[in-house]
C-alpha atoms as a PDB file:
ATOM      1  CA  MET A   1      17.616   1.952 -17.371  1.00  0.00           C
ATOM      2  CA  TYR A   2      17.093  -0.647 -14.691  1.00  0.00           C
ATOM      3  CA  PRO A   3      16.474  -4.258 -15.696  1.00  0.00           C
ATOM      4  CA  PRO A   4      12.830  -5.168 -15.020  1.00  0.00           C
ATOM      5  CA  THR A   5      13.626  -7.243 -11.917  1.00  0.00           C
ATOM      6  CA  ALA A   6      15.713  -4.457 -10.374  1.00  0.00           C
ATOM      7  CA  ALA A   7      12.985  -1.901 -11.079  1.00  0.00           C
ATOM      8  CA  ILE A   8      10.358  -4.153  -9.491  1.00  0.00           C
ATOM      9  CA  ALA A   9      12.557  -4.755  -6.439  1.00  0.00           C
ATOM     10  CA  LEU A  10      13.147  -1.013  -6.018  1.00  0.00           C
ATOM     11  CA  LEU A  11       9.444  -0.275  -6.367  1.00  0.00           C
ATOM     12  CA  LEU A  12       8.543  -2.948  -3.791  1.00  0.00           C
ATOM     13  CA  ALA A  13      11.162  -1.647  -1.370  1.00  0.00           C
ATOM     14  CA  LEU A  14       9.797   1.894  -1.685  1.00  0.00           C
ATOM     15  CA  LEU A  15       6.200   0.729  -1.256  1.00  0.00           C
ATOM     16  CA  MET A  16       7.115  -1.306   1.824  1.00  0.00           C
ATOM     17  CA  GLY A  17       8.811   1.706   3.397  1.00  0.00           C
ATOM     18  CA  ALA A  18      12.374   0.459   3.156  1.00  0.00           C
ATOM     19  CA  PRO A  19      14.732   3.298   2.331  1.00  0.00           C
ATOM     20  CA  PRO A  20      16.944   2.733  -0.692  1.00  0.00           C
ATOM     21  CA  ALA A  21      20.694   2.368  -0.151  1.00  0.00           C
ATOM     22  CA  TRP A  22      21.385   5.818  -1.600  1.00  0.00           C
ATOM     23  CA  ALA A  23      19.239   7.373   1.137  1.00  0.00           C
ATOM     24  CA  ALA A  24      21.657   6.251   3.868  1.00  0.00           C
ATOM     25  CA  ALA A  25      23.295   9.684   3.972  1.00  0.00           C
ATOM     26  CA  ASP A  26      19.947  11.235   4.936  1.00  0.00           C
ATOM     27  CA  ALA A  27      19.516   8.857   7.866  1.00  0.00           C
ATOM     28  CA  VAL A  28      21.838  10.758  10.224  1.00  0.00           C
ATOM     29  CA  ASP A  29      20.276  11.793  13.529  1.00  0.00           C
ATOM     30  CA  GLU A  30      20.933  15.135  15.208  1.00  0.00           C
ATOM     31  CA  ALA A  31      23.543  13.822  17.657  1.00  0.00           C
ATOM     32  CA  THR A  32      25.491  12.180  14.836  1.00  0.00           C
ATOM     33  CA  ALA A  33      25.258  15.367  12.769  1.00  0.00           C
ATOM     34  CA  ARG A  34      26.774  17.363  15.661  1.00  0.00           C
ATOM     35  CA  PHE A  35      29.491  14.746  15.966  1.00  0.00           C
ATOM     36  CA  LEU A  36      30.237  14.954  12.228  1.00  0.00           C
ATOM     37  CA  ILE A  37      30.519  18.738  12.493  1.00  0.00           C
ATOM     38  CA  GLU A  38      32.968  18.361  15.376  1.00  0.00           C
ATOM     39  CA  ALA A  39      35.061  15.796  13.479  1.00  0.00           C
ATOM     40  CA  VAL A  40      35.236  17.941  10.326  1.00  0.00           C
ATOM     41  CA  THR A  41      36.214  20.967  12.420  1.00  0.00           C
ATOM     42  CA  ALA A  42      38.926  18.988  14.224  1.00  0.00           C
ATOM     43  CA  ALA A  43      40.406  17.770  10.935  1.00  0.00           C
ATOM     44  CA  SER A  44      40.338  21.298   9.541  1.00  0.00           C
ATOM     45  CA  ASP A  45      42.057  22.758  12.627  1.00  0.00           C
ATOM     46  CA  TYR A  46      44.747  20.082  12.604  1.00  0.00           C
ATOM     47  CA  ASP A  47      45.440  20.521   8.875  1.00  0.00           C
ATOM     48  CA  GLN A  48      45.519  24.311   9.201  1.00  0.00           C
ATOM     49  CA  PHE A  49      48.046  24.096  12.029  1.00  0.00           C
ATOM     50  CA  GLN A  50      50.186  21.779   9.933  1.00  0.00           C
ATOM     51  CA  ALA A  51      49.975  24.159   6.959  1.00  0.00           C
ATOM     52  CA  ARG A  52      50.649  27.353   8.932  1.00  0.00           C
ATOM     53  CA  CYS A  53      53.218  26.214  11.444  1.00  0.00           C
ATOM     54  CA  ARG A  54      54.885  23.193   9.857  1.00  0.00           C
ATOM     55  CA  ASN A  55      54.657  23.843   6.101  1.00  0.00           C
ATOM     56  CA  ASP A  56      52.707  20.615   5.587  1.00  0.00           C
ATOM     57  CA  VAL A  57      49.918  21.451   3.166  1.00  0.00           C
ATOM     58  CA  SER A  58      48.944  17.858   2.412  1.00  0.00           C
ATOM     59  CA  GLY A  59      45.553  18.068   4.167  1.00  0.00           C
ATOM     60  CA  ARG A  60      46.108  14.486   5.262  1.00  0.00           C
ATOM     61  CA  ARG A  61      43.646  14.503   8.174  1.00  0.00           C
ATOM     62  CA  SER A  62      40.843  15.895   6.065  1.00  0.00           C
ATOM     63  CA  GLU A  63      41.583  13.332   3.356  1.00  0.00           C
ATOM     64  CA  ASN A  64      41.571  10.458   5.837  1.00  0.00           C
ATOM     65  CA  LEU A  65      38.347  11.702   7.409  1.00  0.00           C
ATOM     66  CA  ASN A  66      36.806  12.091   3.952  1.00  0.00           C
ATOM     67  CA  LYS A  67      37.567   8.436   3.133  1.00  0.00           C
ATOM     68  CA  LEU A  68      36.016   7.310   6.399  1.00  0.00           C
ATOM     69  CA  LEU A  69      32.910   9.460   5.861  1.00  0.00           C
ATOM     70  CA  VAL A  70      32.414   8.047   2.376  1.00  0.00           C
ATOM     71  CA  ASN A  71      32.723   4.479   3.668  1.00  0.00           C
ATOM     72  CA  LYS A  72      30.486   4.959   6.715  1.00  0.00           C
ATOM     73  CA  PHE A  73      27.874   7.467   5.581  1.00  0.00           C
ATOM     74  CA  ARG A  74      28.249   7.766   1.806  1.00  0.00           C
ATOM     75  CA  LEU A  75      28.956  11.424   2.483  1.00  0.00           C
ATOM     76  CA  THR A  76      32.002  13.497   1.643  1.00  0.00           C
ATOM     77  CA  LEU A  77      33.582  16.070   3.907  1.00  0.00           C
ATOM     78  CA  THR A  78      32.133  18.853   1.767  1.00  0.00           C
ATOM     79  CA  GLY A  79      28.803  17.029   1.877  1.00  0.00           C
ATOM     80  CA  VAL A  80      28.863  17.233   5.670  1.00  0.00           C
ATOM     81  CA  GLN A  81      29.623  20.956   5.389  1.00  0.00           C
ATOM     82  CA  ASP A  82      26.739  21.420   2.943  1.00  0.00           C
ATOM     83  CA  LYS A  83      24.195  19.393   4.918  1.00  0.00           C
ATOM     84  CA  TYR A  84      24.963  19.828   8.604  1.00  0.00           C
ATOM     85  CA  PHE A  85      26.892  23.057   9.178  1.00  0.00           C
ATOM     86  CA  PRO A  86      24.691  26.118   9.830  1.00  0.00           C
ATOM     87  CA  GLU A  87      25.824  27.856   6.631  1.00  0.00           C
ATOM     88  CA  ARG A  88      24.635  24.936   4.469  1.00  0.00           C
ATOM     89  CA  SER A  89      27.461  25.648   2.005  1.00  0.00           C
ATOM     90  CA  TYR A  90      31.024  24.381   2.050  1.00  0.00           C
ATOM     91  CA  ARG A  91      32.032  27.596   0.273  1.00  0.00           C
ATOM     92  CA  LEU A  92      30.969  29.521   3.365  1.00  0.00           C
ATOM     93  CA  VAL A  93      32.056  26.973   5.967  1.00  0.00           C
ATOM     94  CA  GLN A  94      35.682  26.587   4.875  1.00  0.00           C
ATOM     95  CA  PRO A  95      36.618  30.291   5.092  1.00  0.00           C
ATOM     96  CA  ARG A  96      34.856  30.558   8.469  1.00  0.00           C
ATOM     97  CA  LEU A  97      36.769  27.574   9.853  1.00  0.00           C
ATOM     98  CA  GLN A  98      40.008  29.046   8.562  1.00  0.00           C
ATOM     99  CA  GLN A  99      39.254  32.467  10.052  1.00  0.00           C
ATOM    100  CA  GLU A 100      38.300  30.996  13.442  1.00  0.00           C
ATOM    101  CA  PHE A 101      41.493  28.947  13.539  1.00  0.00           C
ATOM    102  CA  LEU A 102      43.659  31.947  12.576  1.00  0.00           C
ATOM    103  CA  GLU A 103      42.038  34.064  15.296  1.00  0.00           C
ATOM    104  CA  ARG A 104      42.722  31.308  17.828  1.00  0.00           C
ATOM    105  CA  LEU A 105      46.310  30.932  16.622  1.00  0.00           C
ATOM    106  CA  ASN A 106      46.961  34.675  16.718  1.00  0.00           C
ATOM    107  CA  GLY A 107      45.367  34.865  20.170  1.00  0.00           C
ATOM    108  CA  ILE A 108      47.998  32.554  21.612  1.00  0.00           C
ATOM    109  CA  GLY A 109      50.947  34.223  19.940  1.00  0.00           C
ATOM    110  CA  GLY A 110      51.055  32.608  16.510  1.00  0.00           C
ATOM    111  CA  CYS A 111      53.057  29.478  15.779  1.00  0.00           C
ATOM    112  CA  PRO A 112      55.690  30.059  18.491  1.00  0.00           C
ATOM    113  CA  GLY A 113      52.984  30.485  21.136  1.00  0.00           C
ATOM    114  CA  ALA A 114      51.106  27.464  19.835  1.00  0.00           C
ATOM    115  CA  LYS A 115      54.214  25.313  20.060  1.00  0.00           C
ATOM    116  CA  GLU A 116      54.923  26.507  23.615  1.00  0.00           C
ATOM    117  CA  GLN A 117      51.373  25.681  24.664  1.00  0.00           C
ATOM    118  CA  GLY A 118      51.389  22.261  22.998  1.00  0.00           C
ATOM    119  CA  LEU A 119      48.607  23.090  20.545  1.00  0.00           C
ATOM    120  CA  LEU A 120      49.753  20.470  18.059  1.00  0.00           C
ATOM    121  CA  GLU A 121      49.363  17.708  20.631  1.00  0.00           C
ATOM    122  CA  GLN A 122      45.936  19.037  21.653  1.00  0.00           C
ATOM    123  CA  LEU A 123      44.786  19.105  18.038  1.00  0.00           C
ATOM    124  CA  ARG A 124      46.189  15.635  17.382  1.00  0.00           C
ATOM    125  CA  THR A 125      44.522  14.167  20.467  1.00  0.00           C
ATOM    126  CA  ARG A 126      41.166  15.749  19.610  1.00  0.00           C
ATOM    127  CA  TYR A 127      41.287  14.641  15.974  1.00  0.00           C
ATOM    128  CA  GLU A 128      42.380  11.083  16.754  1.00  0.00           C
ATOM    129  CA  ALA A 129      39.727  10.650  19.457  1.00  0.00           C
ATOM    130  CA  LEU A 130      36.978  11.816  17.112  1.00  0.00           C
ATOM    131  CA  TYR A 131      38.322   9.759  14.217  1.00  0.00           C
ATOM    132  CA  ASP A 132      38.493   6.613  16.378  1.00  0.00           C
ATOM    133  CA  ARG A 133      34.996   7.211  17.701  1.00  0.00           C
ATOM    134  CA  LEU A 134      33.726   7.674  14.150  1.00  0.00           C
ATOM    135  CA  GLN A 135      35.435   4.446  13.077  1.00  0.00           C
ATOM    136  CA  SER A 136      33.684   2.549  15.863  1.00  0.00           C
ATOM    137  CA  LEU A 137      30.208   3.631  14.762  1.00  0.00           C
ATOM    138  CA  PRO A 138      28.179   0.932  13.023  1.00  0.00           C
END
């Protein structure tokens, strides 16, 4: 239970139209939501390449992005998948992202073709650009 002064302050804030701190995650506009979708997809693609072609299953990029999302938006990576991806369910989003990446990878000749085409560098550049842009948001 809230102490009386905290309850009164919360009530006044709600009556005055000020959103509570826990509502910050709902205050994402459409452009930011699209950007979050792109960042989550980039992290997923990069981690899947690392897992498939380099035997690195750490999921480091997704973990780093998750930490940043929690700090900036009070949202987790799976929260972004639940709220902003068209499926509205991380259980549906994750297999789709994996399938789309595998189709792309197979389309360029698997891991050998990806390495020849410099896919790792493309994925790294995309992820880092999105991550840096996300870090610079207020």
